[in-house]
Amino acid sequence: MLKALNETHTAIENGHVGLINDQTRKEFDSLRDKFQDFVLSNL
């Protein structure tokens, strides 16, 4: 799941995903960061 989130983040940053505004990007990054923190805290 984390790999998929990171790949999606990379695609957004590289402009491969259309119709992404700054607010959506911030929300996605926040979700990704929270999930990453959750995964790391449960290792």
N, C-alpha and C. Protein backbone atom coordinates (compact mmCIF):
# COMPACT_ATOMS: atom_id res chain seq x y z
N MET A 1 0.82 -1.19 0.00
CA MET A 1 0.00 0.00 0.00
C MET A 1 0.87 1.26 0.00
N LEU A 2 1.89 1.26 0.84
CA LEU A 2 2.78 2.42 0.89
C LEU A 2 3.48 2.61 -0.45
N LYS A 3 3.86 1.52 -1.09
CA LYS A 3 4.50 1.61 -2.41
C LYS A 3 3.54 2.26 -3.41
N ALA A 4 2.29 1.86 -3.37
CA ALA A 4 1.29 2.44 -4.29
C ALA A 4 1.10 3.92 -4.03
N LEU A 5 1.06 4.32 -2.75
CA LEU A 5 0.93 5.74 -2.42
C LEU A 5 2.13 6.53 -2.91
N ASN A 6 3.32 5.96 -2.74
CA ASN A 6 4.53 6.65 -3.20
C ASN A 6 4.57 6.76 -4.72
N GLU A 7 4.13 5.71 -5.41
CA GLU A 7 4.10 5.75 -6.87
C GLU A 7 3.09 6.79 -7.37
N THR A 8 1.95 6.87 -6.68
CA THR A 8 0.95 7.87 -7.05
C THR A 8 1.49 9.27 -6.82
N HIS A 9 2.17 9.47 -5.69
CA HIS A 9 2.79 10.76 -5.39
C HIS A 9 3.77 11.16 -6.49
N THR A 10 4.60 10.22 -6.91
CA THR A 10 5.58 10.49 -7.96
C THR A 10 4.88 10.85 -9.27
N ALA A 11 3.82 10.13 -9.60
CA ALA A 11 3.08 10.42 -10.83
C ALA A 11 2.47 11.82 -10.79
N ILE A 12 1.93 12.21 -9.63
CA ILE A 12 1.36 13.55 -9.48
C ILE A 12 2.45 14.60 -9.65
N GLU A 13 3.57 14.39 -8.97
CA GLU A 13 4.67 15.36 -9.03
C GLU A 13 5.23 15.49 -10.45
N ASN A 14 5.22 14.41 -11.21
CA ASN A 14 5.76 14.42 -12.57
C ASN A 14 4.73 14.87 -13.60
N GLY A 15 3.52 15.20 -13.14
CA GLY A 15 2.48 15.69 -14.05
C GLY A 15 1.79 14.61 -14.85
N HIS A 16 1.89 13.36 -14.43
CA HIS A 16 1.27 12.26 -15.17
C HIS A 16 -0.20 12.05 -14.79
N VAL A 17 -0.66 12.79 -13.79
CA VAL A 17 -2.06 12.69 -13.36
C VAL A 17 -2.69 14.06 -13.58
N GLY A 18 -3.74 14.10 -14.39
CA GLY A 18 -4.37 15.38 -14.69
C GLY A 18 -5.38 15.80 -13.64
N LEU A 19 -5.77 17.06 -13.71
CA LEU A 19 -6.82 17.62 -12.87
C LEU A 19 -6.53 17.52 -11.37
N ILE A 20 -5.28 17.69 -10.99
CA ILE A 20 -4.90 17.69 -9.58
C ILE A 20 -4.55 19.13 -9.20
N ASN A 21 -5.36 19.71 -8.31
CA ASN A 21 -5.05 21.07 -7.88
C ASN A 21 -4.17 21.02 -6.62
N ASP A 22 -3.72 22.18 -6.19
CA ASP A 22 -2.81 22.24 -5.04
C ASP A 22 -3.44 21.68 -3.77
N GLN A 23 -4.74 21.95 -3.55
CA GLN A 23 -5.41 21.45 -2.34
C GLN A 23 -5.46 19.93 -2.36
N THR A 24 -5.82 19.35 -3.49
CA THR A 24 -5.87 17.90 -3.60
C THR A 24 -4.50 17.29 -3.38
N ARG A 25 -3.47 17.92 -3.92
CA ARG A 25 -2.10 17.44 -3.75
C ARG A 25 -1.71 17.47 -2.27
N LYS A 26 -2.05 18.55 -1.59
CA LYS A 26 -1.73 18.67 -0.16
C LYS A 26 -2.46 17.61 0.65
N GLU A 27 -3.73 17.36 0.34
CA GLU A 27 -4.50 16.34 1.05
C GLU A 27 -3.93 14.95 0.79
N PHE A 28 -3.55 14.68 -0.44
CA PHE A 28 -2.95 13.38 -0.75
C PHE A 28 -1.63 13.21 0.00
N ASP A 29 -0.78 14.24 -0.02
CA ASP A 29 0.50 14.16 0.68
C ASP A 29 0.30 13.95 2.17
N SER A 30 -0.71 14.61 2.74
CA SER A 30 -1.01 14.45 4.16
C SER A 30 -1.44 13.01 4.45
N LEU A 31 -2.30 12.46 3.61
CA LEU A 31 -2.73 11.07 3.78
C LEU A 31 -1.55 10.12 3.67
N ARG A 32 -0.71 10.35 2.68
CA ARG A 32 0.47 9.50 2.49
C ARG A 32 1.39 9.57 3.70
N ASP A 33 1.62 10.77 4.21
CA ASP A 33 2.50 10.93 5.37
C ASP A 33 1.92 10.25 6.61
N LYS A 34 0.61 10.39 6.82
CA LYS A 34 -0.03 9.75 7.97
C LYS A 34 0.06 8.23 7.86
N PHE A 35 -0.17 7.70 6.66
CA PHE A 35 -0.10 6.26 6.48
C PHE A 35 1.33 5.76 6.69
N GLN A 36 2.30 6.51 6.19
CA GLN A 36 3.70 6.13 6.37
C GLN A 36 4.06 6.13 7.85
N ASP A 37 3.63 7.14 8.59
CA ASP A 37 3.88 7.18 10.03
C ASP A 37 3.25 5.99 10.73
N PHE A 38 2.02 5.64 10.32
CA PHE A 38 1.33 4.49 10.90
C PHE A 38 2.11 3.20 10.65
N VAL A 39 2.55 3.02 9.41
CA VAL A 39 3.30 1.80 9.06
C VAL A 39 4.59 1.73 9.87
N LEU A 40 5.32 2.82 9.93
CA LEU A 40 6.60 2.82 10.64
C LEU A 40 6.42 2.60 12.14
N SER A 41 5.34 3.09 12.71
CA SER A 41 5.12 2.91 14.14
C SER A 41 4.69 1.50 14.49
N ASN A 42 4.28 0.73 13.48
CA ASN A 42 3.82 -0.63 13.73
C ASN A 42 4.79 -1.70 13.24
N LEU A 43 6.02 -1.31 12.98
CA LEU A 43 7.02 -2.30 12.56
C LEU A 43 7.55 -3.05 13.75
